């Protein structure tokens, strides 16, 4: 592995001519530009033309640093070639979704989100490759630092929000699937035959449905946080009641439903667990007054604490004999 990263890029000679690989890379950009034309030609109103102009600027701004790479090193050799292929794939994804870039879709990976993710991948590849090839070029490295700082600072809140959202999601998954789900399944299987259908129906009906609803509202709150972080003025404004209610209220519904499910299956719920499940409601007024990233960070820290606490409770309870 060390040998791979110790490999140095092949410098482009002054007499270097454009290769077929580089031409193919440029053709992917050309394809993306034609997709912008397709978008604007569909309904050439003033708004559509302005949106198309923004997309064109986005593409041209992305293309420029790759010309730096091509002038410095051979883009068709070694790790630079591999990185360029990754960037090429990202640009191709951008091109595919460009005509729908301003339409919010019903799916998880709709066109605007796919465009944003692919753009971030393309820009990240640019920065990594340029820093790598500038290792022996101090003036270029200094220029890149100046160029990189605003890019990274612009990404940090959004990336931080995504990581916090992922951590919160993992906590919700852990709280149910790590110990409770297997223990509940075993507890239901141990119930006498004549009562098993009723216990299972209550547990997976009464307890399970609100659990899913709570998780959906937490996801909605996380999406609202990410949406506000993507706005230029949304980093310092308070989160607001609507998003905070979805985020913290959803967490409370999830935790309370988890305890209902726990009570209906393994038959054990402690008062401290009930208090912990209700705490998000107490945190809700605080969360709505915090900036979006801080509000999500507060909930994430709380969920990490609850996950740790519940794991200790589960270890203690599962070590004790239970009777259906």
C-alpha atoms as a PDB file:
ATOM      1  CA  UNK A   1       0.000   0.000   0.000  1.00  0.00           C
ATOM      2  CA  UNK A   2       2.829   2.407   0.856  1.00  0.00           C
ATOM      3  CA  UNK A   3       4.366   1.740  -2.553  1.00  0.00           C
ATOM      4  CA  UNK A   4       1.183   2.862  -4.256  1.00  0.00           C
ATOM      5  CA  UNK A   5       1.093   6.201  -2.449  1.00  0.00           C
ATOM      6  CA  UNK A   6       4.836   6.734  -2.850  1.00  0.00           C
ATOM      7  CA  UNK A   7       4.382   6.664  -6.622  1.00  0.00           C
ATOM      8  CA  UNK A   8       5.027  10.050  -8.145  1.00  0.00           C
ATOM      9  CA  UNK A   9       3.023  11.519 -11.033  1.00  0.00           C
ATOM     10  CA  UNK A  10       4.618  11.639 -14.473  1.00  0.00           C
ATOM     11  CA  UNK A  11       5.415  15.227 -15.357  1.00  0.00           C
ATOM     12  CA  UNK A  12       4.018  16.529 -18.644  1.00  0.00           C
ATOM     13  CA  UNK A  13       6.793  17.497 -21.049  1.00  0.00           C
ATOM     14  CA  UNK A  14       6.739  20.853 -22.805  1.00  0.00           C
ATOM     15  CA  UNK A  15       6.196  18.993 -26.063  1.00  0.00           C
ATOM     16  CA  UNK A  16       3.344  16.911 -24.645  1.00  0.00           C
ATOM     17  CA  UNK A  17       0.360  16.640 -26.977  1.00  0.00           C
ATOM     18  CA  UNK A  18      -3.234  16.011 -25.943  1.00  0.00           C
ATOM     19  CA  UNK A  19      -3.925  12.279 -25.650  1.00  0.00           C
ATOM     20  CA  UNK A  20      -7.074  10.391 -26.610  1.00  0.00           C
ATOM     21  CA  UNK A  21      -7.794   9.879 -22.899  1.00  0.00           C
ATOM     22  CA  UNK A  22      -7.777  13.633 -22.300  1.00  0.00           C
ATOM     23  CA  UNK A  23      -9.977  14.193 -25.351  1.00  0.00           C
ATOM     24  CA  UNK A  24     -12.461  11.660 -24.022  1.00  0.00           C
ATOM     25  CA  UNK A  25     -12.442  13.482 -20.673  1.00  0.00           C
ATOM     26  CA  UNK A  26     -13.205  16.765 -22.444  1.00  0.00           C
ATOM     27  CA  UNK A  27     -16.026  15.079 -24.382  1.00  0.00           C
ATOM     28  CA  UNK A  28     -17.729  14.210 -21.112  1.00  0.00           C
ATOM     29  CA  UNK A  29     -17.697  17.916 -20.268  1.00  0.00           C
ATOM     30  CA  UNK A  30     -19.030  18.700 -23.738  1.00  0.00           C
ATOM     31  CA  UNK A  31     -21.835  16.205 -23.144  1.00  0.00           C
ATOM     32  CA  UNK A  32     -22.650  18.016 -19.893  1.00  0.00           C
ATOM     33  CA  UNK A  33     -22.743  21.348 -21.736  1.00  0.00           C
ATOM     34  CA  UNK A  34     -25.157  19.949 -24.318  1.00  0.00           C
ATOM     35  CA  UNK A  35     -27.392  18.774 -21.456  1.00  0.00           C
ATOM     36  CA  UNK A  36     -27.552  22.354 -20.229  1.00  0.00           C
ATOM     37  CA  UNK A  37     -28.647  23.399 -23.735  1.00  0.00           C
ATOM     38  CA  UNK A  38     -31.335  20.702 -23.605  1.00  0.00           C
ATOM     39  CA  UNK A  39     -32.520  22.107 -20.283  1.00  0.00           C
ATOM     40  CA  UNK A  40     -32.737  25.688 -21.553  1.00  0.00           C
ATOM     41  CA  UNK A  41     -34.319  24.735 -24.889  1.00  0.00           C
ATOM     42  CA  UNK A  42     -37.264  23.025 -23.205  1.00  0.00           C
ATOM     43  CA  UNK A  43     -38.834  26.283 -22.004  1.00  0.00           C
ATOM     44  CA  UNK A  44     -36.556  29.278 -22.651  1.00  0.00           C
ATOM     45  CA  UNK A  45     -38.096  31.682 -20.134  1.00  0.00           C
ATOM     46  CA  UNK A  46     -36.026  34.289 -18.316  1.00  0.00           C
ATOM     47  CA  UNK A  47     -35.901  32.085 -15.202  1.00  0.00           C
ATOM     48  CA  UNK A  48     -34.828  28.994 -17.164  1.00  0.00           C
ATOM     49  CA  UNK A  49     -32.109  30.946 -18.961  1.00  0.00           C
ATOM     50  CA  UNK A  50     -30.816  32.289 -15.648  1.00  0.00           C
ATOM     51  CA  UNK A  51     -30.809  28.799 -14.157  1.00  0.00           C
ATOM     52  CA  UNK A  52     -29.000  27.496 -17.237  1.00  0.00           C
ATOM     53  CA  UNK A  53     -26.382  30.211 -16.861  1.00  0.00           C
ATOM     54  CA  UNK A  54     -25.713  29.089 -13.287  1.00  0.00           C
ATOM     55  CA  UNK A  55     -25.284  25.506 -14.465  1.00  0.00           C
ATOM     56  CA  UNK A  56     -22.884  26.614 -17.205  1.00  0.00           C
ATOM     57  CA  UNK A  57     -20.806  28.568 -14.694  1.00  0.00           C
ATOM     58  CA  UNK A  58     -20.771  25.545 -12.406  1.00  0.00           C
ATOM     59  CA  UNK A  59     -19.418  23.333 -15.199  1.00  0.00           C
ATOM     60  CA  UNK A  60     -16.823  25.837 -16.402  1.00  0.00           C
ATOM     61  CA  UNK A  61     -15.639  26.477 -12.842  1.00  0.00           C
ATOM     62  CA  UNK A  62     -15.203  22.722 -12.420  1.00  0.00           C
ATOM     63  CA  UNK A  63     -13.382  22.266 -15.715  1.00  0.00           C
ATOM     64  CA  UNK A  64     -10.657  24.885 -15.105  1.00  0.00           C
ATOM     65  CA  UNK A  65      -8.604  23.023 -12.436  1.00  0.00           C
ATOM     66  CA  UNK A  66      -8.451  19.924 -14.635  1.00  0.00           C
ATOM     67  CA  UNK A  67      -6.623  21.973 -17.249  1.00  0.00           C
ATOM     68  CA  UNK A  68      -4.052  22.713 -14.529  1.00  0.00           C
ATOM     69  CA  UNK A  69      -3.642  18.994 -13.933  1.00  0.00           C
ATOM     70  CA  UNK A  70      -3.229  18.294 -17.645  1.00  0.00           C
ATOM     71  CA  UNK A  71      -0.543  20.966 -17.952  1.00  0.00           C
ATOM     72  CA  UNK A  72       1.391  19.698 -14.927  1.00  0.00           C
ATOM     73  CA  UNK A  73       1.282  15.906 -15.217  1.00  0.00           C
ATOM     74  CA  UNK A  74       0.211  13.142 -17.566  1.00  0.00           C
ATOM     75  CA  UNK A  75      -3.489  12.604 -16.883  1.00  0.00           C
ATOM     76  CA  UNK A  76      -3.447   9.210 -18.588  1.00  0.00           C
ATOM     77  CA  UNK A  77      -0.825   7.540 -16.378  1.00  0.00           C
ATOM     78  CA  UNK A  78      -0.945   5.881 -12.960  1.00  0.00           C
ATOM     79  CA  UNK A  79      -2.966   7.224 -10.040  1.00  0.00           C
ATOM     80  CA  UNK A  80      -3.775  10.452 -11.873  1.00  0.00           C
ATOM     81  CA  UNK A  81      -5.533   8.380 -14.527  1.00  0.00           C
ATOM     82  CA  UNK A  82      -7.544   6.541 -11.838  1.00  0.00           C
ATOM     83  CA  UNK A  83      -8.516   9.822 -10.174  1.00  0.00           C
ATOM     84  CA  UNK A  84      -9.461  11.320 -13.526  1.00  0.00           C
ATOM     85  CA  UNK A  85     -11.721   8.340 -14.227  1.00  0.00           C
ATOM     86  CA  UNK A  86     -13.494   8.942 -10.902  1.00  0.00           C
ATOM     87  CA  UNK A  87     -13.933  12.599 -11.796  1.00  0.00           C
ATOM     88  CA  UNK A  88     -15.154  11.616 -15.255  1.00  0.00           C
ATOM     89  CA  UNK A  89     -17.821   9.386 -13.711  1.00  0.00           C
ATOM     90  CA  UNK A  90     -18.910  12.215 -11.395  1.00  0.00           C
ATOM     91  CA  UNK A  91     -19.174  14.665 -14.314  1.00  0.00           C
ATOM     92  CA  UNK A  92     -21.169  12.106 -16.286  1.00  0.00           C
ATOM     93  CA  UNK A  93     -23.636  11.819 -13.384  1.00  0.00           C
ATOM     94  CA  UNK A  94     -23.864  15.613 -13.312  1.00  0.00           C
ATOM     95  CA  UNK A  95     -24.615  15.618 -17.033  1.00  0.00           C
ATOM     96  CA  UNK A  96     -27.368  13.015 -16.661  1.00  0.00           C
ATOM     97  CA  UNK A  97     -29.259  14.934 -13.967  1.00  0.00           C
ATOM     98  CA  UNK A  98     -28.661  18.471 -15.273  1.00  0.00           C
ATOM     99  CA  UNK A  99     -32.037  18.847 -17.079  1.00  0.00           C
ATOM    100  CA  UNK A 100     -33.794  18.072 -13.758  1.00  0.00           C
ATOM    101  CA  UNK A 101     -31.381  20.014 -11.566  1.00  0.00           C
ATOM    102  CA  UNK A 102     -34.068  22.449 -10.392  1.00  0.00           C
ATOM    103  CA  UNK A 103     -36.783  19.859  -9.789  1.00  0.00           C
ATOM    104  CA  UNK A 104     -37.310  18.318  -6.365  1.00  0.00           C
ATOM    105  CA  UNK A 105     -38.053  14.627  -6.779  1.00  0.00           C
ATOM    106  CA  UNK A 106     -39.829  12.220  -4.422  1.00  0.00           C
ATOM    107  CA  UNK A 107     -36.906   9.814  -4.091  1.00  0.00           C
ATOM    108  CA  UNK A 108     -33.979   9.872  -1.674  1.00  0.00           C
ATOM    109  CA  UNK A 109     -31.418  10.601  -4.398  1.00  0.00           C
ATOM    110  CA  UNK A 110     -33.328  13.125  -6.478  1.00  0.00           C
ATOM    111  CA  UNK A 111     -31.679  15.198  -9.187  1.00  0.00           C
ATOM    112  CA  UNK A 112     -30.566  18.223  -7.090  1.00  0.00           C
ATOM    113  CA  UNK A 113     -29.023  15.984  -4.427  1.00  0.00           C
ATOM    114  CA  UNK A 114     -27.348  13.745  -7.016  1.00  0.00           C
ATOM    115  CA  UNK A 115     -25.950  16.856  -8.726  1.00  0.00           C
ATOM    116  CA  UNK A 116     -24.588  18.217  -5.441  1.00  0.00           C
ATOM    117  CA  UNK A 117     -22.979  14.919  -4.429  1.00  0.00           C
ATOM    118  CA  UNK A 118     -21.397  14.375  -7.845  1.00  0.00           C
ATOM    119  CA  UNK A 119     -20.099  17.959  -7.869  1.00  0.00           C
ATOM    120  CA  UNK A 120     -18.514  17.504  -4.434  1.00  0.00           C
ATOM    121  CA  UNK A 121     -16.817  14.295  -5.611  1.00  0.00           C
ATOM    122  CA  UNK A 122     -15.450  16.047  -8.687  1.00  0.00           C
ATOM    123  CA  UNK A 123     -14.123  18.982  -6.695  1.00  0.00           C
ATOM    124  CA  UNK A 124     -12.600  16.725  -4.043  1.00  0.00           C
ATOM    125  CA  UNK A 125     -10.733  14.759  -6.724  1.00  0.00           C
ATOM    126  CA  UNK A 126      -9.403  18.024  -8.144  1.00  0.00           C
ATOM    127  CA  UNK A 127      -8.029  19.197  -4.813  1.00  0.00           C
ATOM    128  CA  UNK A 128      -6.484  15.845  -3.892  1.00  0.00           C
ATOM    129  CA  UNK A 129      -4.739  15.437  -7.253  1.00  0.00           C
ATOM    130  CA  UNK A 130      -3.501  19.020  -7.358  1.00  0.00           C
ATOM    131  CA  UNK A 131      -2.067  18.815  -3.840  1.00  0.00           C
ATOM    132  CA  UNK A 132      -0.404  15.538  -4.703  1.00  0.00           C
ATOM    133  CA  UNK A 133       1.253  16.801  -7.890  1.00  0.00           C
ATOM    134  CA  UNK A 134       2.341  20.053  -6.200  1.00  0.00           C
ATOM    135  CA  UNK A 135       4.404  18.268  -3.524  1.00  0.00           C
ATOM    136  CA  UNK A 136       7.646  19.431  -5.190  1.00  0.00           C
ATOM    137  CA  UNK A 137       6.293  22.807  -6.330  1.00  0.00           C
ATOM    138  CA  UNK A 138       6.102  25.219  -3.342  1.00  0.00           C
ATOM    139  CA  UNK A 139       4.634  28.180  -5.304  1.00  0.00           C
ATOM    140  CA  UNK A 140       1.824  25.996  -6.655  1.00  0.00           C
ATOM    141  CA  UNK A 141       1.229  24.477  -3.216  1.00  0.00           C
ATOM    142  CA  UNK A 142       0.905  28.010  -1.754  1.00  0.00           C
ATOM    143  CA  UNK A 143      -1.577  28.986  -4.469  1.00  0.00           C
ATOM    144  CA  UNK A 144      -3.595  25.840  -3.840  1.00  0.00           C
ATOM    145  CA  UNK A 145      -3.809  26.564  -0.116  1.00  0.00           C
ATOM    146  CA  UNK A 146      -5.250  29.983  -0.899  1.00  0.00           C
ATOM    147  CA  UNK A 147      -7.648  28.391  -3.395  1.00  0.00           C
ATOM    148  CA  UNK A 148      -8.657  25.538  -1.081  1.00  0.00           C
ATOM    149  CA  UNK A 149      -9.477  27.471   2.089  1.00  0.00           C
ATOM    150  CA  UNK A 150     -12.761  29.033   0.893  1.00  0.00           C
ATOM    151  CA  UNK A 151     -13.810  25.742  -0.724  1.00  0.00           C
ATOM    152  CA  UNK A 152     -13.224  23.716   2.442  1.00  0.00           C
ATOM    153  CA  UNK A 153     -14.810  26.345   4.698  1.00  0.00           C
ATOM    154  CA  UNK A 154     -17.901  26.313   2.497  1.00  0.00           C
ATOM    155  CA  UNK A 155     -18.122  22.520   2.752  1.00  0.00           C
ATOM    156  CA  UNK A 156     -17.477  22.162   6.497  1.00  0.00           C
ATOM    157  CA  UNK A 157     -20.970  23.013   7.825  1.00  0.00           C
ATOM    158  CA  UNK A 158     -22.664  20.816   5.233  1.00  0.00           C
ATOM    159  CA  UNK A 159     -20.255  17.901   5.747  1.00  0.00           C
ATOM    160  CA  UNK A 160     -20.529  18.311   9.514  1.00  0.00           C
ATOM    161  CA  UNK A 161     -24.314  18.213   9.293  1.00  0.00           C
ATOM    162  CA  UNK A 162     -24.183  15.090   7.138  1.00  0.00           C
ATOM    163  CA  UNK A 163     -21.849  13.344   9.598  1.00  0.00           C
ATOM    164  CA  UNK A 164     -24.026  14.302  12.560  1.00  0.00           C
ATOM    165  CA  UNK A 165     -27.112  13.091  10.724  1.00  0.00           C
ATOM    166  CA  UNK A 166     -25.391   9.807   9.930  1.00  0.00           C
ATOM    167  CA  UNK A 167     -24.335   9.393  13.569  1.00  0.00           C
ATOM    168  CA  UNK A 168     -27.892  10.036  14.782  1.00  0.00           C
ATOM    169  CA  UNK A 169     -29.223   7.495  12.291  1.00  0.00           C
ATOM    170  CA  UNK A 170     -26.695   4.895  13.458  1.00  0.00           C
ATOM    171  CA  UNK A 171     -27.765   5.507  17.064  1.00  0.00           C
ATOM    172  CA  UNK A 172     -31.429   4.937  16.165  1.00  0.00           C
ATOM    173  CA  UNK A 173     -30.479   1.745  14.341  1.00  0.00           C
ATOM    174  CA  UNK A 174     -28.346   0.545  17.242  1.00  0.00           C
ATOM    175  CA  UNK A 175     -31.061   1.207  19.819  1.00  0.00           C
ATOM    176  CA  UNK A 176     -33.405  -1.199  18.063  1.00  0.00           C
ATOM    177  CA  UNK A 177     -31.437  -3.716  16.032  1.00  0.00           C
ATOM    178  CA  UNK A 178     -28.373  -4.380  18.186  1.00  0.00           C
ATOM    179  CA  UNK A 179     -30.053  -6.065  21.187  1.00  0.00           C
ATOM    180  CA  UNK A 180     -33.730  -5.229  21.416  1.00  0.00           C
ATOM    181  CA  UNK A 181     -34.871  -6.789  18.123  1.00  0.00           C
ATOM    182  CA  UNK A 182     -33.182 -10.178  18.728  1.00  0.00           C
ATOM    183  CA  UNK A 183     -34.333 -10.232  22.368  1.00  0.00           C
ATOM    184  CA  UNK A 184     -37.897  -9.357  21.354  1.00  0.00           C
ATOM    185  CA  UNK A 185     -37.949 -12.059  18.713  1.00  0.00           C
ATOM    186  CA  UNK A 186     -36.770 -14.644  21.251  1.00  0.00           C
ATOM    187  CA  UNK A 187     -39.251 -13.406  23.874  1.00  0.00           C
ATOM    188  CA  UNK A 188     -42.181 -13.689  21.463  1.00  0.00           C
ATOM    189  CA  UNK A 189     -41.082 -17.163  20.392  1.00  0.00           C
ATOM    190  CA  UNK A 190     -41.032 -18.215  24.067  1.00  0.00           C
ATOM    191  CA  UNK A 191     -44.668 -17.134  24.615  1.00  0.00           C
ATOM    192  CA  UNK A 192     -47.132 -20.077  24.742  1.00  0.00           C
ATOM    193  CA  UNK A 193     -48.790 -20.835  21.417  1.00  0.00           C
ATOM    194  CA  UNK A 194     -52.239 -19.670  22.476  1.00  0.00           C
ATOM    195  CA  UNK A 195     -50.933 -16.179  23.403  1.00  0.00           C
ATOM    196  CA  UNK A 196     -48.159 -15.749  20.854  1.00  0.00           C
ATOM    197  CA  UNK A 197     -50.294 -14.272  18.057  1.00  0.00           C
ATOM    198  CA  UNK A 198     -51.788 -11.656  20.374  1.00  0.00           C
ATOM    199  CA  UNK A 199     -48.441 -10.651  21.864  1.00  0.00           C
ATOM    200  CA  UNK A 200     -46.805 -10.432  18.434  1.00  0.00           C
ATOM    201  CA  UNK A 201     -49.738  -8.464  17.004  1.00  0.00           C
ATOM    202  CA  UNK A 202     -49.620  -5.937  19.843  1.00  0.00           C
ATOM    203  CA  UNK A 203     -45.833  -5.600  19.772  1.00  0.00           C
ATOM    204  CA  UNK A 204     -45.355  -5.293  16.018  1.00  0.00           C
ATOM    205  CA  UNK A 205     -48.540  -3.283  15.546  1.00  0.00           C
ATOM    206  CA  UNK A 206     -48.941  -0.946  18.517  1.00  0.00           C
ATOM    207  CA  UNK A 207     -45.249  -0.617  19.281  1.00  0.00           C
ATOM    208  CA  UNK A 208     -43.635  -0.960  15.882  1.00  0.00           C
ATOM    209  CA  UNK A 209     -45.618   1.531  13.791  1.00  0.00           C
ATOM    210  CA  UNK A 210     -44.905   4.608  15.996  1.00  0.00           C
ATOM    211  CA  UNK A 211     -41.259   3.500  16.047  1.00  0.00           C
ATOM    212  CA  UNK A 212     -41.106   3.853  12.263  1.00  0.00           C
ATOM    213  CA  UNK A 213     -43.021   7.144  12.368  1.00  0.00           C
ATOM    214  CA  UNK A 214     -40.547   8.575  14.883  1.00  0.00           C
ATOM    215  CA  UNK A 215     -37.589   7.575  12.708  1.00  0.00           C
ATOM    216  CA  UNK A 216     -39.216   9.228   9.675  1.00  0.00           C
ATOM    217  CA  UNK A 217     -39.704  12.495  11.554  1.00  0.00           C
ATOM    218  CA  UNK A 218     -36.098  12.452  12.755  1.00  0.00           C
ATOM    219  CA  UNK A 219     -35.041  11.979   9.126  1.00  0.00           C
ATOM    220  CA  UNK A 220     -37.260  14.927   8.170  1.00  0.00           C
ATOM    221  CA  UNK A 221     -35.596  17.067  10.828  1.00  0.00           C
ATOM    222  CA  UNK A 222     -32.129  16.074   9.614  1.00  0.00           C
ATOM    223  CA  UNK A 223     -33.123  16.936   6.048  1.00  0.00           C
ATOM    224  CA  UNK A 224     -34.361  20.362   7.226  1.00  0.00           C
ATOM    225  CA  UNK A 225     -31.042  20.970   8.977  1.00  0.00           C
ATOM    226  CA  UNK A 226     -29.063  20.004   5.864  1.00  0.00           C
ATOM    227  CA  UNK A 227     -31.344  22.200   3.755  1.00  0.00           C
ATOM    228  CA  UNK A 228     -30.733  25.217   6.010  1.00  0.00           C
ATOM    229  CA  UNK A 229     -26.988  24.562   6.047  1.00  0.00           C
ATOM    230  CA  UNK A 230     -26.959  24.608   2.240  1.00  0.00           C
ATOM    231  CA  UNK A 231     -28.331  28.165   2.320  1.00  0.00           C
ATOM    232  CA  UNK A 232     -25.806  30.966   2.585  1.00  0.00           C
ATOM    233  CA  UNK A 233     -27.675  32.711   5.425  1.00  0.00           C
ATOM    234  CA  UNK A 234     -28.853  29.564   7.207  1.00  0.00           C
ATOM    235  CA  UNK A 235     -25.735  28.806   9.272  1.00  0.00           C
ATOM    236  CA  UNK A 236     -26.417  31.214  12.158  1.00  0.00           C
ATOM    237  CA  UNK A 237     -30.206  31.584  12.071  1.00  0.00           C
ATOM    238  CA  UNK A 238     -32.183  29.609  14.688  1.00  0.00           C
ATOM    239  CA  UNK A 239     -33.426  26.209  13.579  1.00  0.00           C
ATOM    240  CA  UNK A 240     -37.081  27.125  14.141  1.00  0.00           C
ATOM    241  CA  UNK A 241     -40.018  25.329  15.698  1.00  0.00           C
ATOM    242  CA  UNK A 242     -41.023  23.227  12.682  1.00  0.00           C
ATOM    243  CA  UNK A 243     -37.646  21.593  12.078  1.00  0.00           C
ATOM    244  CA  UNK A 244     -36.920  21.287  15.812  1.00  0.00           C
ATOM    245  CA  UNK A 245     -40.276  19.613  16.420  1.00  0.00           C
ATOM    246  CA  UNK A 246     -39.571  17.088  13.680  1.00  0.00           C
ATOM    247  CA  UNK A 247     -36.032  16.461  14.955  1.00  0.00           C
ATOM    248  CA  UNK A 248     -36.570  16.320  18.720  1.00  0.00           C
ATOM    249  CA  UNK A 249     -40.221  15.304  18.678  1.00  0.00           C
ATOM    250  CA  UNK A 250     -39.415  12.470  16.278  1.00  0.00           C
ATOM    251  CA  UNK A 251     -36.635  11.303  18.597  1.00  0.00           C
ATOM    252  CA  UNK A 252     -39.033  11.318  21.561  1.00  0.00           C
ATOM    253  CA  UNK A 253     -41.659   9.353  19.623  1.00  0.00           C
ATOM    254  CA  UNK A 254     -39.003   6.839  18.570  1.00  0.00           C
ATOM    255  CA  UNK A 255     -37.634   6.333  22.080  1.00  0.00           C
ATOM    256  CA  UNK A 256     -41.069   6.092  23.715  1.00  0.00           C
ATOM    257  CA  UNK A 257     -42.281   3.659  21.046  1.00  0.00           C
ATOM    258  CA  UNK A 258     -39.142   1.615  21.602  1.00  0.00           C
ATOM    259  CA  UNK A 259     -40.023   1.312  25.289  1.00  0.00           C
ATOM    260  CA  UNK A 260     -43.615   0.332  24.460  1.00  0.00           C
ATOM    261  CA  UNK A 261     -42.253  -2.347  22.138  1.00  0.00           C
ATOM    262  CA  UNK A 262     -39.816  -3.432  24.840  1.00  0.00           C
ATOM    263  CA  UNK A 263     -42.596  -3.678  27.417  1.00  0.00           C
ATOM    264  CA  UNK A 264     -44.819  -5.724  25.100  1.00  0.00           C
ATOM    265  CA  UNK A 265     -42.055  -8.186  24.256  1.00  0.00           C
ATOM    266  CA  UNK A 266     -39.366  -8.552  26.921  1.00  0.00           C
ATOM    267  CA  UNK A 267     -41.698  -7.157  29.643  1.00  0.00           C
ATOM    268  CA  UNK A 268     -39.075  -4.941  31.281  1.00  0.00           C
ATOM    269  CA  UNK A 269     -38.999  -1.114  31.265  1.00  0.00           C
ATOM    270  CA  UNK A 270     -37.247   0.975  33.921  1.00  0.00           C
ATOM    271  CA  UNK A 271     -38.321   4.466  35.083  1.00  0.00           C
ATOM    272  CA  UNK A 272     -34.926   5.896  34.103  1.00  0.00           C
ATOM    273  CA  UNK A 273     -35.542   4.713  30.537  1.00  0.00           C
ATOM    274  CA  UNK A 274     -38.864   6.588  30.474  1.00  0.00           C
ATOM    275  CA  UNK A 275     -37.154   9.755  31.706  1.00  0.00           C
ATOM    276  CA  UNK A 276     -34.465   9.427  29.016  1.00  0.00           C
ATOM    277  CA  UNK A 277     -37.123   8.891  26.328  1.00  0.00           C
ATOM    278  CA  UNK A 278     -38.932  12.099  27.363  1.00  0.00           C
ATOM    279  CA  UNK A 279     -35.791  14.248  27.512  1.00  0.00           C
ATOM    280  CA  UNK A 280     -35.913  15.258  23.800  1.00  0.00           C
ATOM    281  CA  UNK A 281     -39.169  17.114  24.551  1.00  0.00           C
ATOM    282  CA  UNK A 282     -37.366  19.109  27.235  1.00  0.00           C
ATOM    283  CA  UNK A 283     -34.517  19.818  24.822  1.00  0.00           C
ATOM    284  CA  UNK A 284     -36.878  20.949  22.041  1.00  0.00           C
ATOM    285  CA  UNK A 285     -37.125  24.653  23.122  1.00  0.00           C
ATOM    286  CA  UNK A 286     -33.328  24.786  23.388  1.00  0.00           C
ATOM    287  CA  UNK A 287     -32.840  23.138  20.012  1.00  0.00           C
ATOM    288  CA  UNK A 288     -35.218  25.466  18.174  1.00  0.00           C
ATOM    289  CA  UNK A 289     -33.230  28.525  19.343  1.00  0.00           C
ATOM    290  CA  UNK A 290     -29.842  27.094  18.306  1.00  0.00           C
ATOM    291  CA  UNK A 291     -28.274  27.306  14.822  1.00  0.00           C
ATOM    292  CA  UNK A 292     -29.111  24.221  12.723  1.00  0.00           C
ATOM    293  CA  UNK A 293     -25.710  22.541  13.092  1.00  0.00           C
ATOM    294  CA  UNK A 294     -25.634  23.093  16.866  1.00  0.00           C
ATOM    295  CA  UNK A 295     -29.207  21.802  17.233  1.00  0.00           C
ATOM    296  CA  UNK A 296     -28.353  18.623  15.357  1.00  0.00           C
ATOM    297  CA  UNK A 297     -25.119  18.250  17.341  1.00  0.00           C
ATOM    298  CA  UNK A 298     -27.078  18.505  20.613  1.00  0.00           C
ATOM    299  CA  UNK A 299     -29.485  15.765  19.540  1.00  0.00           C
ATOM    300  CA  UNK A 300     -26.601  13.593  18.301  1.00  0.00           C
ATOM    301  CA  UNK A 301     -24.749  13.869  21.623  1.00  0.00           C
ATOM    302  CA  UNK A 302     -27.987  13.027  23.435  1.00  0.00           C
ATOM    303  CA  UNK A 303     -28.608   9.963  21.255  1.00  0.00           C
ATOM    304  CA  UNK A 304     -25.039   8.762  21.769  1.00  0.00           C
ATOM    305  CA  UNK A 305     -25.591   9.046  25.521  1.00  0.00           C
ATOM    306  CA  UNK A 306     -28.917   7.224  25.341  1.00  0.00           C
ATOM    307  CA  UNK A 307     -27.362   4.468  23.228  1.00  0.00           C
ATOM    308  CA  UNK A 308     -24.606   3.971  25.799  1.00  0.00           C
ATOM    309  CA  UNK A 309     -27.120   3.991  28.667  1.00  0.00           C
ATOM    310  CA  UNK A 310     -29.506   1.583  26.952  1.00  0.00           C
ATOM    311  CA  UNK A 311     -26.669  -0.792  26.138  1.00  0.00           C
ATOM    312  CA  UNK A 312     -25.767  -0.993  29.826  1.00  0.00           C
ATOM    313  CA  UNK A 313     -29.422  -1.529  30.770  1.00  0.00           C
ATOM    314  CA  UNK A 314     -29.798  -4.234  28.127  1.00  0.00           C
ATOM    315  CA  UNK A 315     -26.665  -6.039  29.281  1.00  0.00           C
ATOM    316  CA  UNK A 316     -27.993  -6.074  32.847  1.00  0.00           C
ATOM    317  CA  UNK A 317     -31.516  -7.161  31.906  1.00  0.00           C
ATOM    318  CA  UNK A 318     -30.514  -9.830  29.408  1.00  0.00           C
ATOM    319  CA  UNK A 319     -28.196 -11.344  32.022  1.00  0.00           C
ATOM    320  CA  UNK A 320     -31.212 -11.908  34.296  1.00  0.00           C
ATOM    321  CA  UNK A 321     -33.774 -14.690  33.730  1.00  0.00           C
ATOM    322  CA  UNK A 322     -37.091 -13.482  32.301  1.00  0.00           C
ATOM    323  CA  UNK A 323     -40.492 -15.131  32.421  1.00  0.00           C
ATOM    324  CA  UNK A 324     -43.196 -14.624  29.772  1.00  0.00           C
END
